[in-house]
Amino acid sequence: AEGIQVLDSPLFSVNLAAVETNIVMIN
């Protein structure tokens, strides 16, 4: 998730605060 966040993509993002377990939801 942090890797996706670093991309700072206009196409997709991640809410890092919501990554609490083994699941990552990509917006």
mmCIF file of all heavy atoms, coordinates in Angstrom:
data_MODEL
# 
_entry.id   MODEL 
# 
loop_
_atom_site.group_PDB 
_atom_site.id 
_atom_site.type_symbol 
_atom_site.label_atom_id 
_atom_site.label_alt_id 
_atom_site.label_comp_id 
_atom_site.label_asym_id 
_atom_site.label_entity_id 
_atom_site.label_seq_id 
_atom_site.pdbx_PDB_ins_code 
_atom_site.Cartn_x 
_atom_site.Cartn_y 
_atom_site.Cartn_z 
_atom_site.occupancy 
_atom_site.B_iso_or_equiv 
_atom_site.pdbx_formal_charge 
_atom_site.auth_seq_id 
_atom_site.auth_comp_id 
_atom_site.auth_asym_id 
_atom_site.auth_atom_id 
_atom_site.pdbx_PDB_model_num 
ATOM 1   N N   . ALA A 1 1  ? 0.832   -1.208  0.000   1.00 0.00 ? 1  ALA A N   1 
ATOM 2   C CA  . ALA A 1 1  ? 0.000   0.000   0.000   1.00 0.00 ? 1  ALA A CA  1 
ATOM 3   C C   . ALA A 1 1  ? 0.868   1.260   0.000   1.00 0.00 ? 1  ALA A C   1 
ATOM 4   O O   . ALA A 1 1  ? 0.560   2.229   -0.704  1.00 0.00 ? 1  ALA A O   1 
ATOM 5   C CB  . ALA A 1 1  ? -0.931  -0.007  1.210   1.00 0.00 ? 1  ALA A CB  1 
ATOM 6   N N   . GLU A 1 2  ? 1.935   1.240   0.763   1.00 0.00 ? 2  GLU A N   1 
ATOM 7   C CA  . GLU A 1 2  ? 2.842   2.393   0.789   1.00 0.00 ? 2  GLU A CA  1 
ATOM 8   C C   . GLU A 1 2  ? 3.488   2.594   -0.583  1.00 0.00 ? 2  GLU A C   1 
ATOM 9   O O   . GLU A 1 2  ? 3.698   3.734   -1.003  1.00 0.00 ? 2  GLU A O   1 
ATOM 10  C CB  . GLU A 1 2  ? 3.904   2.207   1.867   1.00 0.00 ? 2  GLU A CB  1 
ATOM 11  C CG  . GLU A 1 2  ? 3.338   2.348   3.270   1.00 0.00 ? 2  GLU A CG  1 
ATOM 12  C CD  . GLU A 1 2  ? 4.293   1.891   4.366   1.00 0.00 ? 2  GLU A CD  1 
ATOM 13  O OE1 . GLU A 1 2  ? 5.325   1.251   4.043   1.00 0.00 ? 2  GLU A OE1 1 
ATOM 14  O OE2 . GLU A 1 2  ? 3.991   2.160   5.537   1.00 0.00 ? 2  GLU A OE2 1 
ATOM 15  N N   . GLY A 1 3  ? 3.784   1.498   -1.288  1.00 0.00 ? 3  GLY A N   1 
ATOM 16  C CA  . GLY A 1 3  ? 4.330   1.593   -2.633  1.00 0.00 ? 3  GLY A CA  1 
ATOM 17  C C   . GLY A 1 3  ? 3.359   2.256   -3.595  1.00 0.00 ? 3  GLY A C   1 
ATOM 18  O O   . GLY A 1 3  ? 3.763   3.048   -4.454  1.00 0.00 ? 3  GLY A O   1 
ATOM 19  N N   . ILE A 1 4  ? 2.081   1.959   -3.451  1.00 0.00 ? 4  ILE A N   1 
ATOM 20  C CA  . ILE A 1 4  ? 1.062   2.591   -4.294  1.00 0.00 ? 4  ILE A CA  1 
ATOM 21  C C   . ILE A 1 4  ? 0.955   4.077   -3.935  1.00 0.00 ? 4  ILE A C   1 
ATOM 22  O O   . ILE A 1 4  ? 0.878   4.937   -4.813  1.00 0.00 ? 4  ILE A O   1 
ATOM 23  C CB  . ILE A 1 4  ? -0.300  1.890   -4.142  1.00 0.00 ? 4  ILE A CB  1 
ATOM 24  C CG1 . ILE A 1 4  ? -0.222  0.479   -4.724  1.00 0.00 ? 4  ILE A CG1 1 
ATOM 25  C CG2 . ILE A 1 4  ? -1.408  2.695   -4.817  1.00 0.00 ? 4  ILE A CG2 1 
ATOM 26  C CD1 . ILE A 1 4  ? -1.444  -0.359  -4.471  1.00 0.00 ? 4  ILE A CD1 1 
ATOM 27  N N   . GLN A 1 5  ? 0.991   4.363   -2.654  1.00 0.00 ? 5  GLN A N   1 
ATOM 28  C CA  . GLN A 1 5  ? 0.896   5.752   -2.198  1.00 0.00 ? 5  GLN A CA  1 
ATOM 29  C C   . GLN A 1 5  ? 2.037   6.599   -2.757  1.00 0.00 ? 5  GLN A C   1 
ATOM 30  O O   . GLN A 1 5  ? 1.826   7.726   -3.196  1.00 0.00 ? 5  GLN A O   1 
ATOM 31  C CB  . GLN A 1 5  ? 0.911   5.786   -0.661  1.00 0.00 ? 5  GLN A CB  1 
ATOM 32  C CG  . GLN A 1 5  ? 0.586   7.120   -0.065  1.00 0.00 ? 5  GLN A CG  1 
ATOM 33  C CD  . GLN A 1 5  ? -0.902  7.414   -0.106  1.00 0.00 ? 5  GLN A CD  1 
ATOM 34  O OE1 . GLN A 1 5  ? -1.720  6.575   -0.473  1.00 0.00 ? 5  GLN A OE1 1 
ATOM 35  N NE2 . GLN A 1 5  ? -1.260  8.610   0.263   1.00 0.00 ? 5  GLN A NE2 1 
ATOM 36  N N   . VAL A 1 6  ? 3.249   6.045   -2.789  1.00 0.00 ? 6  VAL A N   1 
ATOM 37  C CA  . VAL A 1 6  ? 4.428   6.760   -3.289  1.00 0.00 ? 6  VAL A CA  1 
ATOM 38  C C   . VAL A 1 6  ? 4.286   7.101   -4.773  1.00 0.00 ? 6  VAL A C   1 
ATOM 39  O O   . VAL A 1 6  ? 4.803   8.115   -5.237  1.00 0.00 ? 6  VAL A O   1 
ATOM 40  C CB  . VAL A 1 6  ? 5.712   5.923   -3.036  1.00 0.00 ? 6  VAL A CB  1 
ATOM 41  C CG1 . VAL A 1 6  ? 6.897   6.459   -3.803  1.00 0.00 ? 6  VAL A CG1 1 
ATOM 42  C CG2 . VAL A 1 6  ? 6.008   5.886   -1.551  1.00 0.00 ? 6  VAL A CG2 1 
ATOM 43  N N   . LEU A 1 7  ? 3.566   6.263   -5.521  1.00 0.00 ? 7  LEU A N   1 
ATOM 44  C CA  . LEU A 1 7  ? 3.375   6.532   -6.945  1.00 0.00 ? 7  LEU A CA  1 
ATOM 45  C C   . LEU A 1 7  ? 2.639   7.853   -7.186  1.00 0.00 ? 7  LEU A C   1 
ATOM 46  O O   . LEU A 1 7  ? 2.787   8.466   -8.230  1.00 0.00 ? 7  LEU A O   1 
ATOM 47  C CB  . LEU A 1 7  ? 2.587   5.396   -7.610  1.00 0.00 ? 7  LEU A CB  1 
ATOM 48  C CG  . LEU A 1 7  ? 3.293   4.063   -7.763  1.00 0.00 ? 7  LEU A CG  1 
ATOM 49  C CD1 . LEU A 1 7  ? 2.327   3.018   -8.325  1.00 0.00 ? 7  LEU A CD1 1 
ATOM 50  C CD2 . LEU A 1 7  ? 4.525   4.196   -8.632  1.00 0.00 ? 7  LEU A CD2 1 
ATOM 51  N N   . ASP A 1 8  ? 1.824   8.272   -6.205  1.00 0.00 ? 8  ASP A N   1 
ATOM 52  C CA  . ASP A 1 8  ? 1.048   9.502   -6.325  1.00 0.00 ? 8  ASP A CA  1 
ATOM 53  C C   . ASP A 1 8  ? 0.324   9.541   -7.673  1.00 0.00 ? 8  ASP A C   1 
ATOM 54  O O   . ASP A 1 8  ? 0.399   10.511  -8.411  1.00 0.00 ? 8  ASP A O   1 
ATOM 55  C CB  . ASP A 1 8  ? 1.954   10.720  -6.150  1.00 0.00 ? 8  ASP A CB  1 
ATOM 56  C CG  . ASP A 1 8  ? 1.158   11.985  -5.886  1.00 0.00 ? 8  ASP A CG  1 
ATOM 57  O OD1 . ASP A 1 8  ? 0.030   11.881  -5.358  1.00 0.00 ? 8  ASP A OD1 1 
ATOM 58  O OD2 . ASP A 1 8  ? 1.641   13.070  -6.242  1.00 0.00 ? 8  ASP A OD2 1 
ATOM 59  N N   . SER A 1 9  ? -0.360  8.448   -7.960  1.00 0.00 ? 9  SER A N   1 
ATOM 60  C CA  . SER A 1 9  ? -0.994  8.253   -9.258  1.00 0.00 ? 9  SER A CA  1 
ATOM 61  C C   . SER A 1 9  ? -2.331  8.975   -9.370  1.00 0.00 ? 9  SER A C   1 
ATOM 62  O O   . SER A 1 9  ? -3.132  8.950   -8.435  1.00 0.00 ? 9  SER A O   1 
ATOM 63  C CB  . SER A 1 9  ? -1.228  6.753   -9.480  1.00 0.00 ? 9  SER A CB  1 
ATOM 64  O OG  . SER A 1 9  ? -2.071  6.527   -10.581 1.00 0.00 ? 9  SER A OG  1 
ATOM 65  N N   . PRO A 1 10 ? -2.589  9.572   -10.527 1.00 0.00 ? 10 PRO A N   1 
ATOM 66  C CA  . PRO A 1 10 ? -3.927  10.123  -10.762 1.00 0.00 ? 10 PRO A CA  1 
ATOM 67  C C   . PRO A 1 10 ? -4.929  9.010   -11.110 1.00 0.00 ? 10 PRO A C   1 
ATOM 68  O O   . PRO A 1 10 ? -6.127  9.260   -11.172 1.00 0.00 ? 10 PRO A O   1 
ATOM 69  C CB  . PRO A 1 10 ? -3.723  11.061  -11.957 1.00 0.00 ? 10 PRO A CB  1 
ATOM 70  C CG  . PRO A 1 10 ? -2.546  10.497  -12.679 1.00 0.00 ? 10 PRO A CG  1 
ATOM 71  C CD  . PRO A 1 10 ? -1.664  9.868   -11.634 1.00 0.00 ? 10 PRO A CD  1 
ATOM 72  N N   . LEU A 1 11 ? -4.424  7.777   -11.332 1.00 0.00 ? 11 LEU A N   1 
ATOM 73  C CA  . LEU A 1 11 ? -5.290  6.664   -11.739 1.00 0.00 ? 11 LEU A CA  1 
ATOM 74  C C   . LEU A 1 11 ? -5.813  5.852   -10.559 1.00 0.00 ? 11 LEU A C   1 
ATOM 75  O O   . LEU A 1 11 ? -6.925  5.342   -10.607 1.00 0.00 ? 11 LEU A O   1 
ATOM 76  C CB  . LEU A 1 11 ? -4.529  5.735   -12.691 1.00 0.00 ? 11 LEU A CB  1 
ATOM 77  C CG  . LEU A 1 11 ? -3.983  6.364   -13.963 1.00 0.00 ? 11 LEU A CG  1 
ATOM 78  C CD1 . LEU A 1 11 ? -3.180  5.348   -14.751 1.00 0.00 ? 11 LEU A CD1 1 
ATOM 79  C CD2 . LEU A 1 11 ? -5.113  6.928   -14.799 1.00 0.00 ? 11 LEU A CD2 1 
ATOM 80  N N   . PHE A 1 12 ? -4.989  5.678   -9.513  1.00 0.00 ? 12 PHE A N   1 
ATOM 81  C CA  . PHE A 1 12 ? -5.424  4.879   -8.365  1.00 0.00 ? 12 PHE A CA  1 
ATOM 82  C C   . PHE A 1 12 ? -4.726  5.344   -7.105  1.00 0.00 ? 12 PHE A C   1 
ATOM 83  O O   . PHE A 1 12 ? -3.668  5.959   -7.144  1.00 0.00 ? 12 PHE A O   1 
ATOM 84  C CB  . PHE A 1 12 ? -5.215  3.382   -8.586  1.00 0.00 ? 12 PHE A CB  1 
ATOM 85  C CG  . PHE A 1 12 ? -3.960  3.016   -9.327  1.00 0.00 ? 12 PHE A CG  1 
ATOM 86  C CD1 . PHE A 1 12 ? -2.731  2.975   -8.697  1.00 0.00 ? 12 PHE A CD1 1 
ATOM 87  C CD2 . PHE A 1 12 ? -4.010  2.705   -10.679 1.00 0.00 ? 12 PHE A CD2 1 
ATOM 88  C CE1 . PHE A 1 12 ? -1.584  2.630   -9.393  1.00 0.00 ? 12 PHE A CE1 1 
ATOM 89  C CE2 . PHE A 1 12 ? -2.877  2.360   -11.375 1.00 0.00 ? 12 PHE A CE2 1 
ATOM 90  C CZ  . PHE A 1 12 ? -1.642  2.327   -10.717 1.00 0.00 ? 12 PHE A CZ  1 
ATOM 91  N N   . SER A 1 13 ? -5.352  5.050   -5.967  1.00 0.00 ? 13 SER A N   1 
ATOM 92  C CA  . SER A 1 13 ? -4.811  5.469   -4.678  1.00 0.00 ? 13 SER A CA  1 
ATOM 93  C C   . SER A 1 13 ? -5.187  4.455   -3.602  1.00 0.00 ? 13 SER A C   1 
ATOM 94  O O   . SER A 1 13 ? -6.013  3.570   -3.830  1.00 0.00 ? 13 SER A O   1 
ATOM 95  C CB  . SER A 1 13 ? -5.355  6.845   -4.294  1.00 0.00 ? 13 SER A CB  1 
ATOM 96  O OG  . SER A 1 13 ? -6.750  6.766   -4.077  1.00 0.00 ? 13 SER A OG  1 
ATOM 97  N N   . VAL A 1 14 ? -4.573  4.642   -2.439  1.00 0.00 ? 14 VAL A N   1 
ATOM 98  C CA  . VAL A 1 14 ? -4.854  3.792   -1.282  1.00 0.00 ? 14 VAL A CA  1 
ATOM 99  C C   . VAL A 1 14 ? -5.018  4.689   -0.064  1.00 0.00 ? 14 VAL A C   1 
ATOM 100 O O   . VAL A 1 14 ? -4.263  5.649   0.118   1.00 0.00 ? 14 VAL A O   1 
ATOM 101 C CB  . VAL A 1 14 ? -3.689  2.803   -1.040  1.00 0.00 ? 14 VAL A CB  1 
ATOM 102 C CG1 . VAL A 1 14 ? -3.866  2.056   0.256   1.00 0.00 ? 14 VAL A CG1 1 
ATOM 103 C CG2 . VAL A 1 14 ? -3.558  1.828   -2.179  1.00 0.00 ? 14 VAL A CG2 1 
ATOM 104 N N   . ASN A 1 15 ? -5.985  4.372   0.764   1.00 0.00 ? 15 ASN A N   1 
ATOM 105 C CA  . ASN A 1 15 ? -6.142  5.048   2.045   1.00 0.00 ? 15 ASN A CA  1 
ATOM 106 C C   . ASN A 1 15 ? -5.301  4.258   3.058   1.00 0.00 ? 15 ASN A C   1 
ATOM 107 O O   . ASN A 1 15 ? -5.730  3.213   3.548   1.00 0.00 ? 15 ASN A O   1 
ATOM 108 C CB  . ASN A 1 15 ? -7.616  5.079   2.445   1.00 0.00 ? 15 ASN A CB  1 
ATOM 109 C CG  . ASN A 1 15 ? -7.842  5.670   3.817   1.00 0.00 ? 15 ASN A CG  1 
ATOM 110 O OD1 . ASN A 1 15 ? -6.905  6.072   4.512   1.00 0.00 ? 15 ASN A OD1 1 
ATOM 111 N ND2 . ASN A 1 15 ? -9.097  5.728   4.217   1.00 0.00 ? 15 ASN A ND2 1 
ATOM 112 N N   . LEU A 1 16 ? -4.107  4.745   3.358   1.00 0.00 ? 16 LEU A N   1 
ATOM 113 C CA  . LEU A 1 16 ? -3.206  4.013   4.254   1.00 0.00 ? 16 LEU A CA  1 
ATOM 114 C C   . LEU A 1 16 ? -3.806  3.789   5.639   1.00 0.00 ? 16 LEU A C   1 
ATOM 115 O O   . LEU A 1 16 ? -3.521  2.773   6.273   1.00 0.00 ? 16 LEU A O   1 
ATOM 116 C CB  . LEU A 1 16 ? -1.862  4.736   4.381   1.00 0.00 ? 16 LEU A CB  1 
ATOM 117 C CG  . LEU A 1 16 ? -0.922  4.608   3.194   1.00 0.00 ? 16 LEU A CG  1 
ATOM 118 C CD1 . LEU A 1 16 ? 0.354   5.398   3.437   1.00 0.00 ? 16 LEU A CD1 1 
ATOM 119 C CD2 . LEU A 1 16 ? -0.593  3.155   2.904   1.00 0.00 ? 16 LEU A CD2 1 
ATOM 120 N N   . ALA A 1 17 ? -4.625  4.701   6.104   1.00 0.00 ? 17 ALA A N   1 
ATOM 121 C CA  . ALA A 1 17 ? -5.244  4.548   7.425   1.00 0.00 ? 17 ALA A CA  1 
ATOM 122 C C   . ALA A 1 17 ? -6.171  3.330   7.469   1.00 0.00 ? 17 ALA A C   1 
ATOM 123 O O   . ALA A 1 17 ? -6.401  2.772   8.540   1.00 0.00 ? 17 ALA A O   1 
ATOM 124 C CB  . ALA A 1 17 ? -6.014  5.812   7.797   1.00 0.00 ? 17 ALA A CB  1 
ATOM 125 N N   . ALA A 1 18 ? -6.672  2.908   6.319   1.00 0.00 ? 18 ALA A N   1 
ATOM 126 C CA  . ALA A 1 18 ? -7.584  1.763   6.258   1.00 0.00 ? 18 ALA A CA  1 
ATOM 127 C C   . ALA A 1 18 ? -6.849  0.424   6.128   1.00 0.00 ? 18 ALA A C   1 
ATOM 128 O O   . ALA A 1 18 ? -7.481  -0.628  6.194   1.00 0.00 ? 18 ALA A O   1 
ATOM 129 C CB  . ALA A 1 18 ? -8.550  1.925   5.093   1.00 0.00 ? 18 ALA A CB  1 
ATOM 130 N N   . VAL A 1 19 ? -5.541  0.454   5.959   1.00 0.00 ? 19 VAL A N   1 
ATOM 131 C CA  . VAL A 1 19 ? -4.764  -0.792  5.822   1.00 0.00 ? 19 VAL A CA  1 
ATOM 132 C C   . VAL A 1 19 ? -4.335  -1.223  7.225   1.00 0.00 ? 19 VAL A C   1 
ATOM 133 O O   . VAL A 1 19 ? -3.289  -0.828  7.728   1.00 0.00 ? 19 VAL A O   1 
ATOM 134 C CB  . VAL A 1 19 ? -3.546  -0.609  4.891   1.00 0.00 ? 19 VAL A CB  1 
ATOM 135 C CG1 . VAL A 1 19 ? -2.790  -1.924  4.747   1.00 0.00 ? 19 VAL A CG1 1 
ATOM 136 C CG2 . VAL A 1 19 ? -3.988  -0.096  3.525   1.00 0.00 ? 19 VAL A CG2 1 
ATOM 137 N N   . GLU A 1 20 ? -5.178  -2.040  7.840   1.00 0.00 ? 20 GLU A N   1 
ATOM 138 C CA  . GLU A 1 20 ? -4.929  -2.475  9.211   1.00 0.00 ? 20 GLU A CA  1 
ATOM 139 C C   . GLU A 1 20 ? -4.535  -3.946  9.298   1.00 0.00 ? 20 GLU A C   1 
ATOM 140 O O   . GLU A 1 20 ? -3.944  -4.364  10.286  1.00 0.00 ? 20 GLU A O   1 
ATOM 141 C CB  . GLU A 1 20 ? -6.174  -2.249  10.061  1.00 0.00 ? 20 GLU A CB  1 
ATOM 142 C CG  . GLU A 1 20 ? -6.577  -0.790  10.150  1.00 0.00 ? 20 GLU A CG  1 
ATOM 143 C CD  . GLU A 1 20 ? -7.841  -0.612  10.956  1.00 0.00 ? 20 GLU A CD  1 
ATOM 144 O OE1 . GLU A 1 20 ? -8.938  -0.800  10.396  1.00 0.00 ? 20 GLU A OE1 1 
ATOM 145 O OE2 . GLU A 1 20 ? -7.710  -0.295  12.152  1.00 0.00 ? 20 GLU A OE2 1 
ATOM 146 N N   . THR A 1 21 ? -4.894  -4.722  8.286   1.00 0.00 ? 21 THR A N   1 
ATOM 147 C CA  . THR A 1 21 ? -4.613  -6.155  8.325   1.00 0.00 ? 21 THR A CA  1 
ATOM 148 C C   . THR A 1 21 ? -3.947  -6.560  7.016   1.00 0.00 ? 21 THR A C   1 
ATOM 149 O O   . THR A 1 21 ? -3.086  -5.858  6.519   1.00 0.00 ? 21 THR A O   1 
ATOM 150 C CB  . THR A 1 21 ? -5.907  -6.967  8.557   1.00 0.00 ? 21 THR A CB  1 
ATOM 151 O OG1 . THR A 1 21 ? -6.806  -6.746  7.469   1.00 0.00 ? 21 THR A OG1 1 
ATOM 152 C CG2 . THR A 1 21 ? -6.575  -6.609  9.871   1.00 0.00 ? 21 THR A CG2 1 
ATOM 153 N N   . ASN A 1 22 ? -4.358  -7.687  6.467   1.00 0.00 ? 22 ASN A N   1 
ATOM 154 C CA  . ASN A 1 22 ? -3.766  -8.237  5.247   1.00 0.00 ? 22 ASN A CA  1 
ATOM 155 C C   . ASN A 1 22 ? -4.531  -7.848  3.989   1.00 0.00 ? 22 ASN A C   1 
ATOM 156 O O   . ASN A 1 22 ? -4.302  -8.411  2.930   1.00 0.00 ? 22 ASN A O   1 
ATOM 157 C CB  . ASN A 1 22 ? -3.704  -9.764  5.354   1.00 0.00 ? 22 ASN A CB  1 
ATOM 158 C CG  . ASN A 1 22 ? -5.075  -10.396 5.467   1.00 0.00 ? 22 ASN A CG  1 
ATOM 159 O OD1 . ASN A 1 22 ? -5.985  -9.851  6.086   1.00 0.00 ? 22 ASN A OD1 1 
ATOM 160 N ND2 . ASN A 1 22 ? -5.230  -11.552 4.880   1.00 0.00 ? 22 ASN A ND2 1 
ATOM 161 N N   . ILE A 1 23 ? -5.426  -6.880  4.091   1.00 0.00 ? 23 ILE A N   1 
ATOM 162 C CA  . ILE A 1 23 ? -6.265  -6.477  2.957   1.00 0.00 ? 23 ILE A CA  1 
ATOM 163 C C   . ILE A 1 23 ? -5.947  -5.035  2.569   1.00 0.00 ? 23 ILE A C   1 
ATOM 164 O O   . ILE A 1 23 ? -5.893  -4.153  3.428   1.00 0.00 ? 23 ILE A O   1 
ATOM 165 C CB  . ILE A 1 23 ? -7.764  -6.613  3.296   1.00 0.00 ? 23 ILE A CB  1 
ATOM 166 C CG1 . ILE A 1 23 ? -8.096  -8.071  3.620   1.00 0.00 ? 23 ILE A CG1 1 
ATOM 167 C CG2 . ILE A 1 23 ? -8.629  -6.090  2.154   1.00 0.00 ? 23 ILE A CG2 1 
ATOM 168 C CD1 . ILE A 1 23 ? -9.502  -8.296  4.141   1.00 0.00 ? 23 ILE A CD1 1 
ATOM 169 N N   . VAL A 1 24 ? -5.750  -4.832  1.265   1.00 0.00 ? 24 VAL A N   1 
ATOM 170 C CA  . VAL A 1 24 ? -5.529  -3.489  0.722   1.00 0.00 ? 24 VAL A CA  1 
ATOM 171 C C   . VAL A 1 24 ? -6.619  -3.232  -0.312  1.00 0.00 ? 24 VAL A C   1 
ATOM 172 O O   . VAL A 1 24 ? -6.777  -4.002  -1.257  1.00 0.00 ? 24 VAL A O   1 
ATOM 173 C CB  . VAL A 1 24 ? -4.137  -3.359  0.056   1.00 0.00 ? 24 VAL A CB  1 
ATOM 174 C CG1 . VAL A 1 24 ? -3.968  -1.991  -0.592  1.00 0.00 ? 24 VAL A CG1 1 
ATOM 175 C CG2 . VAL A 1 24 ? -3.025  -3.628  1.067   1.00 0.00 ? 24 VAL A CG2 1 
ATOM 176 N N   . MET A 1 25 ? -7.345  -2.147  -0.120  1.00 0.00 ? 25 MET A N   1 
ATOM 177 C CA  . MET A 1 25 ? -8.361  -1.730  -1.074  1.00 0.00 ? 25 MET A CA  1 
ATOM 178 C C   . MET A 1 25 ? -7.769  -0.588  -1.895  1.00 0.00 ? 25 MET A C   1 
ATOM 179 O O   . MET A 1 25 ? -7.369  0.440   -1.343  1.00 0.00 ? 25 MET A O   1 
ATOM 180 C CB  . MET A 1 25 ? -9.630  -1.278  -0.358  1.00 0.00 ? 25 MET A CB  1 
ATOM 181 C CG  . MET A 1 25 ? -10.246 -2.357  0.542   1.00 0.00 ? 25 MET A CG  1 
ATOM 182 S SD  . MET A 1 25 ? -10.660 -3.893  -0.304  1.00 0.00 ? 25 MET A SD  1 
ATOM 183 C CE  . MET A 1 25 ? -12.194 -3.448  -1.068  1.00 0.00 ? 25 MET A CE  1 
ATOM 184 N N   . ILE A 1 26 ? -7.696  -0.792  -3.211  1.00 0.00 ? 26 ILE A N   1 
ATOM 185 C CA  . ILE A 1 26 ? -7.139  0.202   -4.127  1.00 0.00 ? 26 ILE A CA  1 
ATOM 186 C C   . ILE A 1 26 ? -8.291  0.945   -4.777  1.00 0.00 ? 26 ILE A C   1 
ATOM 187 O O   . ILE A 1 26 ? -9.156  0.330   -5.403  1.00 0.00 ? 26 ILE A O   1 
ATOM 188 C CB  . ILE A 1 26 ? -6.256  -0.485  -5.191  1.00 0.00 ? 26 ILE A CB  1 
ATOM 189 C CG1 . ILE A 1 26 ? -5.142  -1.286  -4.514  1.00 0.00 ? 26 ILE A CG1 1 
ATOM 190 C CG2 . ILE A 1 26 ? -5.696  0.543   -6.166  1.00 0.00 ? 26 ILE A CG2 1 
ATOM 191 C CD1 . ILE A 1 26 ? -4.440  -2.259  -5.438  1.00 0.00 ? 26 ILE A CD1 1 
ATOM 192 N N   . ASN A 1 27 ? -8.297  2.255   -4.614  1.00 0.00 ? 27 ASN A N   1 
ATOM 193 C CA  . ASN A 1 27 ? -9.343  3.096   -5.207  1.00 0.00 ? 27 ASN A CA  1 
ATOM 194 C C   . ASN A 1 27 ? -8.930  3.454   -6.620  1.00 0.00 ? 27 ASN A C   1 
ATOM 195 O O   . ASN A 1 27 ? -7.850  4.001   -6.836  1.00 0.00 ? 27 ASN A O   1 
ATOM 196 C CB  . ASN A 1 27 ? -9.530  4.364   -4.376  1.00 0.00 ? 27 ASN A CB  1 
ATOM 197 C CG  . ASN A 1 27 ? -9.848  4.044   -2.938  1.00 0.00 ? 27 ASN A CG  1 
ATOM 198 O OD1 . ASN A 1 27 ? -10.752 3.275   -2.666  1.00 0.00 ? 27 ASN A OD1 1 
ATOM 199 N ND2 . ASN A 1 27 ? -9.084  4.607   -2.024  1.00 0.00 ? 27 ASN A ND2 1 
# 
